[in-house]
Amino acid sequence: MSTEQHREIKRLAVDKALHWSTSTGDHGSLIGKFRAEVKNHYYLWQRRRCCYCSVELQNHKITFDAEHILDKAEYPEYMFDEGNLAVACKLCNQYKSNKSISSTGLRFSELSKKSHDYSIVHPHLDEWSEHLQFDVIGRIVPVAESTKGKTTVSICGMASLNATRLADQFAIEETAEAETALRVFHEVVDIGRKREFLSLLEEMAQRYGHPGARAVVEALRSDVQHLQLAQPSAPAVAMLPAGNEPHANGHEPPQYEFQSQLLGPNEPPLASSA
């Protein structure tokens, strides 16, 4: 697409004369071409990774979406603006949907190029690794006390993605139950509720007996312990017995061999238990 053609569709979008899904009329084929170019460009530019969760995207355009950082329904004037476009996995895109990402809660009067104006990690204005990271069991978690990281995890529904990935460490016949327990564990705030689902996961891990499942349980126990330090009145959670079972002590992560897919370049390596 030429620069002149791009300017034309941006102008028509401002006038609400065109939509992202336009497929007929004088500009139908042009919009289709633009959509394809956007997905191809950002797929390569983002090194085949989702702009929010950084999971690897598959090499087929139907498996990921063109992402409008500011929702195209709320901000049609930026629908075709390259500064408002990226590619995201379908899960992040669907969870984020049309949620507000203004750090002030107010509507944007222009397409801001300032990171602090956005409440989530911005694909063009922020470094992903400064706000998000993969932890020792492969979860996508905020870096230290990054508010942007925490908000991105929430808005993009990464608890669901984390649950899906971690559930692979449990027995196949209990994958669905494990995924539900993992998702709720990460979504609820109440420590008592977290302990309930932690107990369910511990039972499943004990039944399956795989090191990966035990590593997940140990990491979740560590999470609860950290929360208890912030809320001293909460009852303590006992750790698994000492012995041959490695412990997640906050300094030395469990050295287990996981069953899940190989971790990507942004994820920490996992040592083998052998």
Protein backbone atom coordinates (compact mmCIF):
# COMPACT_ATOMS: atom_id res chain seq x y z
CA MET A 1 0.00 0.00 0.00
CA SER A 2 1.29 3.44 -0.91
CA THR A 3 1.68 6.28 1.57
CA GLU A 4 -1.03 8.19 -0.25
CA GLN A 5 -3.46 5.29 -0.03
CA HIS A 6 -2.73 4.91 3.66
CA ARG A 7 -3.44 8.57 4.27
CA GLU A 8 -6.71 8.22 2.39
CA ILE A 9 -8.07 5.34 4.47
CA LYS A 10 -6.97 7.07 7.69
CA ARG A 11 -8.88 10.17 6.63
CA LEU A 12 -11.97 8.14 5.78
CA ALA A 13 -11.79 6.35 9.12
CA VAL A 14 -11.76 9.69 10.93
CA ASP A 15 -14.91 10.58 8.98
CA LYS A 16 -16.34 7.14 9.91
CA ALA A 17 -16.70 6.36 6.22
CA LEU A 18 -14.64 3.15 6.52
CA HIS A 19 -14.36 0.31 9.01
CA TRP A 20 -11.69 -2.30 9.67
CA SER A 21 -13.98 -4.99 8.28
CA THR A 22 -14.92 -3.09 5.11
CA SER A 23 -14.73 -5.57 2.22
CA THR A 24 -16.88 -4.03 -0.49
CA GLY A 25 -17.08 -0.75 -2.35
CA ASP A 26 -14.27 1.38 -3.70
CA HIS A 27 -11.94 0.68 -0.77
CA GLY A 28 -12.82 -2.94 0.07
CA SER A 29 -9.82 -4.56 -1.59
CA LEU A 30 -7.52 -1.84 -0.25
CA ILE A 31 -8.64 -2.46 3.34
CA GLY A 32 -8.14 -6.19 2.88
CA LYS A 33 -4.62 -5.58 1.62
CA PHE A 34 -3.88 -3.26 4.53
CA ARG A 35 -5.09 -5.81 7.11
CA ALA A 36 -2.84 -8.48 5.59
CA GLU A 37 0.17 -6.15 5.51
CA VAL A 38 -0.36 -5.18 9.15
CA LYS A 39 -0.42 -8.78 10.36
CA ASN A 40 2.63 -9.72 8.34
CA HIS A 41 4.61 -6.62 9.36
CA TYR A 42 4.01 -6.87 13.11
CA TYR A 43 4.33 -10.65 13.13
CA LEU A 44 7.91 -10.20 11.94
CA TRP A 45 8.62 -6.97 13.81
CA GLN A 46 7.50 -8.57 17.11
CA ARG A 47 9.65 -11.64 16.44
CA ARG A 48 6.55 -13.85 16.20
CA ARG A 49 5.39 -13.04 19.70
CA CYS A 50 2.17 -11.67 21.15
CA CYS A 51 2.61 -8.01 22.01
CA TYR A 52 1.15 -8.57 25.50
CA CYS A 53 1.92 -12.05 26.81
CA SER A 54 4.95 -12.73 24.56
CA VAL A 55 3.90 -16.29 23.75
CA GLU A 56 5.09 -17.51 20.37
CA LEU A 57 2.61 -17.00 17.54
CA GLN A 58 2.05 -19.72 14.98
CA ASN A 59 2.95 -19.04 11.35
CA HIS A 60 -0.63 -18.81 10.15
CA LYS A 61 -2.57 -15.57 10.19
CA ILE A 62 -5.78 -17.21 11.35
CA THR A 63 -4.14 -18.07 14.69
CA PHE A 64 -3.51 -14.47 15.82
CA ASP A 65 -5.18 -11.08 15.49
CA ALA A 66 -4.31 -7.59 14.39
CA GLU A 67 -4.50 -5.66 17.64
CA HIS A 68 -5.86 -2.13 18.04
CA ILE A 69 -4.16 -0.85 21.17
CA LEU A 70 -6.89 1.76 21.59
CA ASP A 71 -10.13 -0.03 20.78
CA LYS A 72 -11.22 0.61 17.19
CA ALA A 73 -14.88 1.01 18.14
CA GLU A 74 -14.09 3.70 20.73
CA TYR A 75 -11.33 5.31 18.66
CA PRO A 76 -12.18 4.85 14.96
CA GLU A 77 -9.93 7.77 14.11
CA TYR A 78 -6.87 5.65 14.98
CA MET A 79 -8.13 2.46 13.35
CA PHE A 80 -5.56 2.53 10.56
CA ASP A 81 -2.81 4.38 12.41
CA GLU A 82 0.38 2.30 12.57
CA GLY A 83 1.06 3.70 16.05
CA ASN A 84 -2.12 2.02 17.28
CA LEU A 85 -1.54 -1.37 15.68
CA ALA A 86 0.26 -4.57 16.67
CA VAL A 87 -0.46 -8.31 16.65
CA ALA A 88 -1.70 -10.28 19.65
CA CYS A 89 -2.65 -13.85 20.42
CA LYS A 90 -6.37 -14.45 20.30
CA LEU A 91 -6.65 -14.95 24.04
CA CYS A 92 -5.08 -11.59 24.95
CA ASN A 93 -7.02 -9.80 22.22
CA GLN A 94 -10.34 -11.27 23.34
CA TYR A 95 -9.77 -10.61 27.03
CA LYS A 96 -8.55 -7.06 26.46
CA SER A 97 -11.46 -6.40 24.08
CA ASN A 98 -12.65 -2.79 24.51
CA LYS A 99 -11.38 -2.24 28.06
CA SER A 100 -10.07 1.22 28.85
CA ILE A 101 -6.27 1.44 29.02
CA SER A 102 -6.05 5.14 29.82
CA SER A 103 -3.95 5.63 32.95
CA THR A 104 -6.17 8.54 33.96
CA GLY A 105 -9.44 6.85 33.10
CA LEU A 106 -10.22 9.70 30.71
CA ARG A 107 -10.71 9.41 26.98
CA PHE A 108 -7.65 10.09 24.84
CA SER A 109 -7.92 13.34 22.91
CA GLU A 110 -5.08 12.25 20.64
CA LEU A 111 -2.94 9.17 20.01
CA SER A 112 -0.44 9.66 22.81
CA LYS A 113 3.18 8.66 22.33
CA LYS A 114 3.90 8.81 26.06
CA SER A 115 4.18 5.53 27.92
CA HIS A 116 2.77 6.89 31.18
CA ASP A 117 -0.54 7.72 29.50
CA TYR A 118 -1.27 3.99 29.15
CA SER A 119 -2.11 1.67 32.04
CA ILE A 120 -0.81 -1.45 30.29
CA VAL A 121 2.44 -2.40 28.60
CA HIS A 122 2.36 -0.57 25.27
CA PRO A 123 3.77 -2.58 22.34
CA HIS A 124 5.57 0.46 20.91
CA LEU A 125 6.38 2.55 23.96
CA ASP A 126 7.46 0.02 26.60
CA GLU A 127 10.05 -2.72 26.93
CA TRP A 128 8.17 -5.94 27.72
CA SER A 129 10.93 -7.30 29.98
CA GLU A 130 10.82 -4.21 32.19
CA HIS A 131 7.26 -5.01 33.23
CA LEU A 132 6.62 -8.72 32.63
CA GLN A 133 8.58 -11.94 32.82
CA PHE A 134 8.26 -15.72 32.81
CA ASP A 135 8.83 -17.22 36.25
CA VAL A 136 10.44 -20.54 37.09
CA ILE A 137 7.29 -22.54 36.33
CA GLY A 138 6.55 -20.66 33.11
CA ARG A 139 3.89 -18.22 34.34
CA ILE A 140 3.68 -14.72 32.92
CA VAL A 141 4.08 -12.49 35.97
CA PRO A 142 4.74 -8.80 36.66
CA VAL A 143 8.33 -7.70 37.22
CA ALA A 144 8.87 -6.65 40.84
CA GLU A 145 6.28 -3.98 41.60
CA SER A 146 5.48 -2.95 38.03
CA THR A 147 1.99 -1.49 38.06
CA LYS A 148 1.85 -1.73 34.29
CA GLY A 149 2.80 -5.39 34.48
CA LYS A 150 0.05 -6.14 37.01
CA THR A 151 -2.55 -4.25 34.99
CA THR A 152 -1.56 -6.00 31.77
CA VAL A 153 -1.86 -9.42 33.43
CA SER A 154 -5.35 -8.47 34.62
CA ILE A 155 -6.69 -6.77 31.49
CA CYS A 156 -5.37 -9.45 29.14
CA GLY A 157 -6.63 -12.35 31.27
CA MET A 158 -3.22 -13.94 31.68
CA ALA A 159 -4.42 -15.98 34.66
CA SER A 160 -6.31 -18.06 32.14
CA LEU A 161 -3.27 -18.49 29.90
CA ASN A 162 -1.07 -19.36 32.88
CA ALA A 163 -3.61 -21.91 34.06
CA THR A 164 -3.75 -23.59 30.66
CA ARG A 165 0.01 -23.93 30.46
CA LEU A 166 0.48 -25.14 34.04
CA ALA A 167 -2.35 -27.66 33.74
CA ASP A 168 -0.16 -29.56 31.26
CA GLN A 169 1.95 -30.66 34.23
CA PHE A 170 -0.91 -32.70 35.70
CA ALA A 171 -2.44 -36.00 34.65
CA ILE A 172 -4.24 -35.83 31.30
CA GLU A 173 -7.51 -37.11 32.80
CA GLU A 174 -7.41 -34.25 35.34
CA THR A 175 -6.23 -31.47 33.01
CA ALA A 176 -9.61 -29.68 32.89
CA GLU A 177 -10.02 -29.78 36.68
CA ALA A 178 -6.44 -28.65 37.20
CA GLU A 179 -6.87 -25.77 34.74
CA THR A 180 -9.99 -24.53 36.54
CA ALA A 181 -8.31 -24.75 39.94
CA LEU A 182 -5.22 -22.95 38.66
CA ARG A 183 -7.25 -20.20 37.02
CA VAL A 184 -9.34 -19.53 40.12
CA PHE A 185 -6.26 -19.68 42.36
CA HIS A 186 -4.69 -16.86 40.36
CA GLU A 187 -7.87 -14.81 40.09
CA VAL A 188 -9.14 -14.80 43.68
CA VAL A 189 -7.71 -12.42 46.24
CA ASP A 190 -8.79 -14.11 49.46
CA ILE A 191 -6.00 -16.28 50.91
CA GLY A 192 -8.49 -18.77 52.32
CA ARG A 193 -9.91 -19.38 48.84
CA LYS A 194 -6.42 -19.73 47.42
CA ARG A 195 -5.65 -22.40 50.04
CA GLU A 196 -8.76 -24.35 49.03
CA PHE A 197 -7.66 -24.62 45.43
CA LEU A 198 -4.05 -25.19 46.43
CA SER A 199 -5.23 -28.24 48.41
CA LEU A 200 -7.03 -29.59 45.34
CA LEU A 201 -3.94 -29.13 43.23
CA GLU A 202 -1.74 -30.76 45.86
CA GLU A 203 -4.00 -33.83 45.84
CA MET A 204 -3.79 -34.02 42.06
CA ALA A 205 -0.02 -33.58 42.10
CA GLN A 206 0.34 -36.37 44.66
CA ARG A 207 -1.83 -38.71 42.61
CA TYR A 208 0.09 -38.01 39.41
CA GLY A 209 3.52 -38.03 41.03
CA HIS A 210 5.24 -36.05 38.29
CA PRO A 211 7.99 -33.54 39.24
CA GLY A 212 6.40 -30.85 37.07
CA ALA A 213 3.11 -31.00 38.99
CA ARG A 214 4.99 -30.89 42.31
CA ALA A 215 6.95 -27.86 41.08
CA VAL A 216 3.72 -26.02 40.31
CA VAL A 217 2.33 -26.78 43.78
CA GLU A 218 5.55 -25.66 45.46
CA ALA A 219 5.52 -22.38 43.53
CA LEU A 220 1.88 -21.73 44.46
CA ARG A 221 2.67 -22.46 48.12
CA SER A 222 5.44 -19.89 47.92
CA ASP A 223 2.93 -17.39 46.49
CA VAL A 224 0.60 -17.95 49.45
CA GLN A 225 3.46 -17.61 51.92
CA HIS A 226 4.43 -14.25 50.43
CA LEU A 227 0.81 -13.11 50.73
CA GLN A 228 0.76 -14.25 54.36
CA LEU A 229 3.82 -12.14 55.11
CA ALA A 230 1.78 -9.17 53.95
CA GLN A 231 -1.18 -10.36 56.04
CA PRO A 232 0.36 -11.82 59.23
CA SER A 233 -3.06 -12.76 60.70
CA ALA A 234 -3.66 -15.35 57.96
CA PRO A 235 -3.05 -19.01 59.00
CA ALA A 236 0.23 -20.45 57.79
CA VAL A 237 0.40 -23.00 54.99
CA ALA A 238 2.58 -26.00 55.71
CA MET A 239 5.26 -26.87 53.23
CA LEU A 240 5.77 -30.39 51.88
CA PRO A 241 7.99 -32.58 54.11
CA ALA A 242 11.72 -32.08 53.87
CA GLY A 243 13.76 -34.80 52.24
CA ASN A 244 14.08 -35.57 48.57
CA GLU A 245 11.45 -32.95 47.66
CA PRO A 246 13.06 -29.69 46.46
CA HIS A 247 11.58 -26.49 47.87
CA ALA A 248 10.86 -23.12 46.26
CA ASN A 249 12.51 -20.88 48.86
CA GLY A 250 12.42 -17.64 46.94
CA HIS A 251 16.09 -17.91 46.01
CA GLU A 252 16.63 -21.29 44.40
CA PRO A 253 13.77 -22.34 42.10
CA PRO A 254 12.72 -26.00 41.88
CA GLN A 255 14.98 -27.83 39.44
CA TYR A 256 12.40 -29.99 37.68
CA GLU A 257 12.05 -31.23 34.14
CA PHE A 258 8.76 -29.96 32.73
CA GLN A 259 6.51 -31.76 30.25
CA SER A 260 5.26 -28.59 28.60
CA GLN A 261 6.56 -27.03 25.38
CA LEU A 262 10.07 -25.68 25.21
CA LEU A 263 10.24 -22.22 26.68
CA GLY A 264 10.76 -19.27 24.39
CA PRO A 265 13.71 -16.87 24.31
CA ASN A 266 12.12 -14.54 26.86
CA GLU A 267 11.60 -17.37 29.33
CA PRO A 268 14.11 -18.63 31.92
CA PRO A 269 15.75 -22.00 31.25
CA LEU A 270 14.70 -24.93 33.40
CA ALA A 271 17.35 -27.33 34.62
CA SER A 272 16.75 -31.05 34.31
CA SER A 273 16.09 -33.12 37.43
CA ALA A 274 18.47 -35.80 36.14
